[in-house]
């Protein structure tokens, strides 16, 4: 009799574990779909960001305002440090730091290492197709953390973690690289479908600054 009870208990545990895994998989799909619906419905957005970079012996925190416009345009206007700027015009990216005499021009194809987060939201988002091994877990504050590895970046990115609110709004994004570098972006004050003139995504170098071909900076 005891043997049958143990067998029954083991069977129930296995069944419960399988059900829990199924619920987790469905939850990941549901949360990802909410993020997809939210951002695929937008044409532009403006949001405040705080960027924290850890790795290669460095710790850096910067902040500013991000402006996005579909298709393929973004503008990172930094207020700390004031004057720093990154503009993506849909074809090329331009990096400028205050005090420099040169601005770096980088082909958009070289930006696929996710140094420019939310870039994948500039097109039509399907997180389940873009991230492998997608999982979800509650963050303890009523939001959800999606985690997966961007396809094609497995050699450089060990995990992309997206914390999303119940309505699909992204609250933070963390890129964990295989070399130990962690790049985290916290977002707040998102404003959807704001005016975003094309001129906002044209890089005009300050007086005396030359544009040169370069690589994405650290």
Protein backbone atom coordinates (compact mmCIF):
# COMPACT_ATOMS: atom_id res chain seq x y z
CA UNK A 1 0.00 0.00 0.00
CA UNK A 2 2.81 2.41 0.88
CA UNK A 3 4.48 1.74 -2.44
CA UNK A 4 1.31 2.67 -4.31
CA UNK A 5 0.95 5.86 -2.28
CA UNK A 6 4.51 6.87 -3.11
CA UNK A 7 3.91 6.10 -6.78
CA UNK A 8 0.71 8.16 -6.75
CA UNK A 9 2.48 11.07 -5.04
CA UNK A 10 5.31 10.96 -7.57
CA UNK A 11 2.79 10.91 -10.42
CA UNK A 12 1.02 13.96 -9.01
CA UNK A 13 4.33 15.83 -8.64
CA UNK A 14 5.28 15.08 -12.24
CA UNK A 15 1.85 16.17 -13.45
CA UNK A 16 1.98 19.38 -11.41
CA UNK A 17 5.48 20.16 -12.69
CA UNK A 18 4.38 19.66 -16.27
CA UNK A 19 1.36 21.89 -15.74
CA UNK A 20 3.52 24.61 -14.16
CA UNK A 21 5.93 24.51 -17.10
CA UNK A 22 3.02 24.80 -19.51
CA UNK A 23 1.63 27.78 -17.60
CA UNK A 24 5.05 29.46 -17.64
CA UNK A 25 5.35 28.93 -21.40
CA UNK A 26 1.89 30.41 -21.96
CA UNK A 27 2.68 33.34 -19.67
CA UNK A 28 5.84 34.13 -21.64
CA UNK A 29 3.84 34.08 -24.86
CA UNK A 30 1.12 36.29 -23.35
CA UNK A 31 3.55 38.87 -21.97
CA UNK A 32 5.57 38.94 -25.20
CA UNK A 33 2.37 39.42 -27.20
CA UNK A 34 1.37 42.38 -25.02
CA UNK A 35 4.74 44.04 -25.65
CA UNK A 36 4.38 43.35 -29.37
CA UNK A 37 0.88 44.83 -29.54
CA UNK A 38 1.85 47.93 -27.59
CA UNK A 39 4.87 48.89 -29.70
CA UNK A 40 3.62 47.68 -33.06
CA UNK A 41 0.69 50.10 -32.71
CA UNK A 42 3.00 53.10 -32.30
CA UNK A 43 4.50 55.36 -34.95
CA UNK A 44 6.66 57.42 -32.59
CA UNK A 45 7.49 57.52 -28.91
CA UNK A 46 9.50 59.62 -26.48
CA UNK A 47 10.80 58.28 -23.17
CA UNK A 48 13.30 59.22 -20.47
CA UNK A 49 16.15 56.79 -19.92
CA UNK A 50 18.89 56.05 -17.42
CA UNK A 51 21.71 53.93 -18.81
CA UNK A 52 24.03 51.96 -16.53
CA UNK A 53 27.12 50.31 -18.01
CA UNK A 54 29.18 47.75 -16.08
CA UNK A 55 32.19 45.92 -17.43
CA UNK A 56 35.77 46.12 -18.71
CA UNK A 57 36.74 47.81 -15.46
CA UNK A 58 34.22 50.60 -15.95
CA UNK A 59 31.06 51.75 -14.23
CA UNK A 60 29.14 54.50 -15.97
CA UNK A 61 25.67 55.97 -15.57
CA UNK A 62 24.15 58.38 -18.07
CA UNK A 63 20.67 59.71 -18.74
CA UNK A 64 18.58 61.64 -21.20
CA UNK A 65 15.63 61.42 -23.60
CA UNK A 66 15.06 58.88 -26.36
CA UNK A 67 12.93 59.72 -29.40
CA UNK A 68 11.91 56.92 -31.79
CA UNK A 69 10.21 57.08 -35.16
CA UNK A 70 9.33 54.26 -37.51
CA UNK A 71 10.80 53.10 -39.72
CA UNK A 72 14.33 52.88 -38.36
CA UNK A 73 14.96 56.26 -36.74
CA UNK A 74 16.07 57.16 -33.22
CA UNK A 75 17.62 60.05 -31.35
CA UNK A 76 19.33 59.74 -27.95
CA UNK A 77 19.73 63.21 -26.45
CA UNK A 78 21.81 62.98 -23.28
CA UNK A 79 21.43 65.44 -20.43
CA UNK A 80 24.07 63.68 -18.34
CA UNK A 81 26.59 64.16 -19.82
CA UNK A 82 25.04 67.22 -21.39
CA UNK A 83 25.70 67.45 -25.11
CA UNK A 84 26.27 63.77 -25.83
CA UNK A 85 24.21 62.61 -28.78
CA UNK A 86 23.43 59.51 -30.83
CA UNK A 87 21.29 59.78 -33.96
CA UNK A 88 20.16 56.96 -36.23
CA UNK A 89 18.67 58.30 -39.45
CA UNK A 90 17.46 54.95 -40.75
CA UNK A 91 20.70 54.19 -42.55
CA UNK A 92 23.64 55.43 -40.49
CA UNK A 93 24.30 56.09 -36.83
CA UNK A 94 26.17 59.17 -35.57
CA UNK A 95 27.88 59.33 -32.16
CA UNK A 96 29.09 62.59 -30.68
CA UNK A 97 30.51 63.38 -27.23
CA UNK A 98 30.92 66.98 -26.02
CA UNK A 99 34.42 68.34 -26.35
CA UNK A 100 35.40 65.98 -29.16
CA UNK A 101 36.55 67.29 -32.52
CA UNK A 102 35.21 64.26 -34.39
CA UNK A 103 31.82 62.57 -34.60
CA UNK A 104 31.69 58.87 -35.45
CA UNK A 105 29.58 57.70 -38.36
CA UNK A 106 28.64 54.01 -38.20
CA UNK A 107 26.71 51.91 -40.69
CA UNK A 108 23.42 50.69 -39.19
CA UNK A 109 24.42 47.07 -39.88
CA UNK A 110 27.23 47.42 -37.32
CA UNK A 111 24.74 48.34 -34.61
CA UNK A 112 23.26 44.83 -34.36
CA UNK A 113 25.10 44.21 -31.07
CA UNK A 114 22.20 45.95 -29.28
CA UNK A 115 24.27 48.88 -28.06
CA UNK A 116 21.18 50.80 -29.22
CA UNK A 117 18.35 49.10 -27.33
CA UNK A 118 14.80 49.31 -28.65
CA UNK A 119 16.22 49.21 -32.16
CA UNK A 120 14.29 46.00 -32.74
CA UNK A 121 11.10 47.92 -31.88
CA UNK A 122 11.61 50.24 -34.82
CA UNK A 123 10.18 47.60 -37.12
CA UNK A 124 7.45 45.00 -36.61
CA UNK A 125 8.11 43.30 -33.28
CA UNK A 126 7.64 39.57 -32.69
CA UNK A 127 9.58 38.82 -29.54
CA UNK A 128 8.89 35.10 -29.63
CA UNK A 129 10.55 34.86 -33.03
CA UNK A 130 13.41 37.24 -32.22
CA UNK A 131 14.43 35.72 -28.86
CA UNK A 132 15.31 32.06 -28.32
CA UNK A 133 14.68 30.30 -25.01
CA UNK A 134 12.11 32.91 -24.02
CA UNK A 135 11.10 32.71 -20.35
CA UNK A 136 9.12 34.92 -17.99
CA UNK A 137 9.12 35.59 -14.26
CA UNK A 138 7.33 38.13 -12.04
CA UNK A 139 9.58 40.97 -10.87
CA UNK A 140 7.75 41.34 -7.55
CA UNK A 141 6.34 44.78 -8.40
CA UNK A 142 3.46 43.79 -10.61
CA UNK A 143 5.57 43.68 -13.77
CA UNK A 144 7.09 40.77 -15.69
CA UNK A 145 10.64 40.05 -16.81
CA UNK A 146 11.05 38.39 -20.18
CA UNK A 147 14.44 36.82 -20.86
CA UNK A 148 15.91 35.29 -24.00
CA UNK A 149 18.84 35.39 -26.41
CA UNK A 150 18.56 37.49 -29.59
CA UNK A 151 18.86 35.31 -32.68
CA UNK A 152 22.14 35.77 -34.50
CA UNK A 153 23.84 37.31 -31.45
CA UNK A 154 24.44 34.14 -29.43
CA UNK A 155 28.21 34.61 -29.55
CA UNK A 156 28.02 38.09 -28.01
CA UNK A 157 24.81 38.29 -25.97
CA UNK A 158 24.08 35.77 -23.22
CA UNK A 159 20.71 37.28 -22.30
CA UNK A 160 18.37 40.12 -23.16
CA UNK A 161 16.03 40.87 -20.26
CA UNK A 162 12.96 43.03 -20.72
CA UNK A 163 10.86 44.17 -17.76
CA UNK A 164 7.36 45.02 -18.95
CA UNK A 165 4.31 46.43 -17.21
CA UNK A 166 0.93 44.72 -17.43
CA UNK A 167 -0.02 46.82 -20.48
CA UNK A 168 3.15 45.84 -22.38
CA UNK A 169 5.08 49.05 -21.73
CA UNK A 170 8.80 48.39 -21.33
CA UNK A 171 10.16 49.62 -18.00
CA UNK A 172 13.74 48.43 -18.41
CA UNK A 173 15.99 46.47 -20.71
CA UNK A 174 19.22 44.70 -19.74
CA UNK A 175 21.75 43.31 -22.21
CA UNK A 176 24.13 40.78 -20.67
CA UNK A 177 27.07 40.10 -22.96
CA UNK A 178 29.19 36.97 -23.05
CA UNK A 179 32.30 38.99 -22.15
CA UNK A 180 30.75 39.99 -18.81
CA UNK A 181 29.59 43.46 -19.84
CA UNK A 182 26.11 44.48 -18.67
CA UNK A 183 24.23 47.38 -20.21
CA UNK A 184 20.95 48.35 -18.51
CA UNK A 185 18.40 50.94 -19.56
CA UNK A 186 15.61 52.04 -17.23
CA UNK A 187 12.74 53.89 -18.91
CA UNK A 188 10.11 56.25 -17.51
CA UNK A 189 7.55 58.79 -18.67
CA UNK A 190 6.83 57.17 -22.01
CA UNK A 191 4.79 59.39 -24.36
CA UNK A 192 3.32 57.65 -27.41
CA UNK A 193 2.83 59.00 -30.93
CA UNK A 194 4.42 62.37 -30.16
CA UNK A 195 5.41 64.84 -32.90
CA UNK A 196 8.75 63.73 -34.36
CA UNK A 197 9.81 65.81 -37.39
CA UNK A 198 12.28 64.23 -39.79
CA UNK A 199 14.76 66.99 -38.99
CA UNK A 200 15.15 65.53 -35.47
CA UNK A 201 16.93 62.56 -37.02
CA UNK A 202 19.40 64.51 -39.13
CA UNK A 203 22.81 64.82 -37.51
CA UNK A 204 24.33 68.28 -37.83
CA UNK A 205 27.85 68.38 -36.39
CA UNK A 206 28.72 71.30 -34.12
CA UNK A 207 31.04 73.96 -35.51
CA UNK A 208 34.57 72.63 -35.90
CA UNK A 209 33.52 68.97 -35.57
CA UNK A 210 34.33 66.58 -38.42
CA UNK A 211 32.40 63.39 -39.23
CA UNK A 212 34.59 60.31 -39.70
CA UNK A 213 33.88 56.64 -40.31
CA UNK A 214 34.10 54.76 -37.05
CA UNK A 215 32.94 51.85 -34.90
CA UNK A 216 30.22 51.77 -32.21
CA UNK A 217 31.79 53.16 -29.02
CA UNK A 218 31.80 51.32 -25.71
